[in-house]
Amino acid sequence: GGFIQPEDRVDILWAPTPSAWQVAFQNLKVAHVGPVGGANAQGIATSFVVFVSVDDAQALSLLFANGSYKYVLRSQADAAKNDTVTSGGTTLPALNSRFHVPTP
């Protein structure tokens, strides 16, 4: 219990600075836990795969490269809800605007 498993839902929290945490993505469905190409892991896993749109995958890549992030395991009661999906492509300025990151 308490470990992320396939079919679970997670939220991703992101912080461009250590004191500015915010919800970046909500209710993402976990497709696979553990190394790609391997069997689903049990217990603590070092990686997992979530279902997102191509645009959200690009946004996630930029988030991971520009700040800190955490995963939050959601309640099983959320299992029937739809994934969060956006569209339109992402650039770093668009990401900063989307997540209200102050520009220096």
Protein backbone atom coordinates (compact mmCIF):
# COMPACT_ATOMS: atom_id res chain seq x y z
CA GLY A 1 0.00 0.00 0.00
CA GLY A 2 1.01 3.57 -0.62
CA PHE A 3 3.17 2.81 -3.66
CA ILE A 4 2.22 3.98 -7.15
CA GLN A 5 0.86 1.11 -9.22
CA PRO A 6 -0.57 0.78 -12.77
CA GLU A 7 -4.07 2.28 -13.09
CA ASP A 8 -3.45 4.68 -10.16
CA ARG A 9 -3.89 8.43 -10.66
CA VAL A 10 -1.25 11.03 -9.77
CA ASP A 11 -0.98 14.81 -9.60
CA ILE A 12 2.30 16.53 -10.45
CA LEU A 13 3.35 19.48 -8.30
CA TRP A 14 6.00 21.82 -9.70
CA ALA A 15 8.06 24.68 -8.29
CA PRO A 16 10.16 27.07 -10.40
CA THR A 17 11.69 28.18 -7.06
CA PRO A 18 11.84 26.29 -3.74
CA SER A 19 8.93 28.23 -2.20
CA ALA A 20 6.51 28.40 -5.14
CA TRP A 21 4.83 24.96 -5.35
CA GLN A 22 1.77 24.65 -7.57
CA VAL A 23 -0.29 21.92 -9.20
CA ALA A 24 0.94 21.49 -12.77
CA PHE A 25 -1.03 18.40 -13.84
CA GLN A 26 -3.91 16.61 -12.20
CA ASN A 27 -5.36 13.14 -12.31
CA LEU A 28 -2.87 11.56 -14.72
CA LYS A 29 -3.39 7.81 -15.20
CA VAL A 30 -0.36 5.60 -14.53
CA ALA A 31 0.18 3.13 -17.37
CA HIS A 32 3.35 1.35 -16.25
CA VAL A 33 5.59 1.26 -13.17
CA GLY A 34 9.29 0.38 -13.36
CA PRO A 35 11.77 0.39 -16.23
CA VAL A 36 10.38 0.62 -19.75
CA GLY A 37 10.36 -2.81 -21.33
CA GLY A 38 10.37 -4.54 -17.93
CA ALA A 39 7.57 -6.04 -15.90
CA ASN A 40 5.49 -3.74 -13.69
CA ALA A 41 7.38 -3.24 -10.42
CA GLN A 42 6.09 -3.92 -6.92
CA GLY A 43 7.04 -1.61 -4.03
CA ILE A 44 9.21 1.45 -4.58
CA ALA A 45 9.72 2.20 -8.29
CA THR A 46 12.24 4.57 -9.82
CA SER A 47 10.03 5.41 -12.79
CA PHE A 48 6.51 5.25 -14.12
CA VAL A 49 4.67 6.09 -17.33
CA VAL A 50 1.58 8.32 -17.43
CA PHE A 51 -0.91 8.97 -20.22
CA VAL A 52 -0.69 12.55 -21.57
CA SER A 53 -1.22 14.33 -24.87
CA VAL A 54 1.79 15.18 -27.06
CA ASP A 55 1.53 18.83 -25.98
CA ASP A 56 1.41 17.86 -22.31
CA ALA A 57 4.44 15.60 -22.80
CA GLN A 58 6.32 18.62 -24.14
CA ALA A 59 5.17 20.71 -21.15
CA LEU A 60 6.25 17.96 -18.73
CA SER A 61 9.68 17.84 -20.33
CA LEU A 62 10.09 21.59 -19.87
CA LEU A 63 8.82 21.43 -16.28
CA PHE A 64 11.26 18.68 -15.36
CA ALA A 65 14.16 20.67 -16.84
CA ASN A 66 13.17 23.99 -15.19
CA GLY A 67 12.42 23.55 -11.50
CA SER A 68 11.54 20.90 -8.96
CA TYR A 69 8.64 18.47 -9.06
CA LYS A 70 6.81 15.99 -6.84
CA TYR A 71 4.16 13.35 -7.45
CA VAL A 72 1.02 13.00 -5.37
CA LEU A 73 -0.84 9.69 -5.36
CA ARG A 74 -4.58 10.31 -5.66
CA SER A 75 -7.43 8.43 -4.05
CA GLN A 76 -8.78 5.33 -5.80
CA ALA A 77 -12.10 7.21 -5.92
CA ASP A 78 -10.58 9.25 -8.78
CA ALA A 79 -9.94 6.16 -10.93
CA ALA A 80 -12.94 6.68 -13.23
CA LYS A 81 -12.27 10.34 -14.04
CA ASN A 82 -10.76 11.55 -17.33
CA ASP A 83 -7.15 12.62 -17.72
CA THR A 84 -6.23 16.30 -17.86
CA VAL A 85 -5.46 17.16 -21.49
CA THR A 86 -4.37 20.43 -23.10
CA SER A 87 -3.35 21.33 -26.62
CA GLY A 88 -1.56 24.02 -28.58
CA GLY A 89 2.12 23.17 -28.10
CA THR A 90 4.45 24.51 -25.42
CA THR A 91 7.48 26.78 -25.32
CA LEU A 92 9.32 27.97 -22.22
CA PRO A 93 7.63 31.42 -22.37
CA ALA A 94 4.23 29.74 -22.78
CA LEU A 95 5.06 27.41 -19.89
CA ASN A 96 6.06 30.39 -17.72
CA SER A 97 2.80 32.10 -18.61
CA ARG A 98 0.71 28.97 -18.04
CA PHE A 99 2.18 28.37 -14.59
CA HIS A 100 2.57 32.07 -13.65
CA VAL A 101 6.36 31.99 -13.37
CA PRO A 102 7.76 35.49 -12.80
CA THR A 103 10.32 36.55 -15.39
CA PRO A 104 13.57 38.10 -14.12
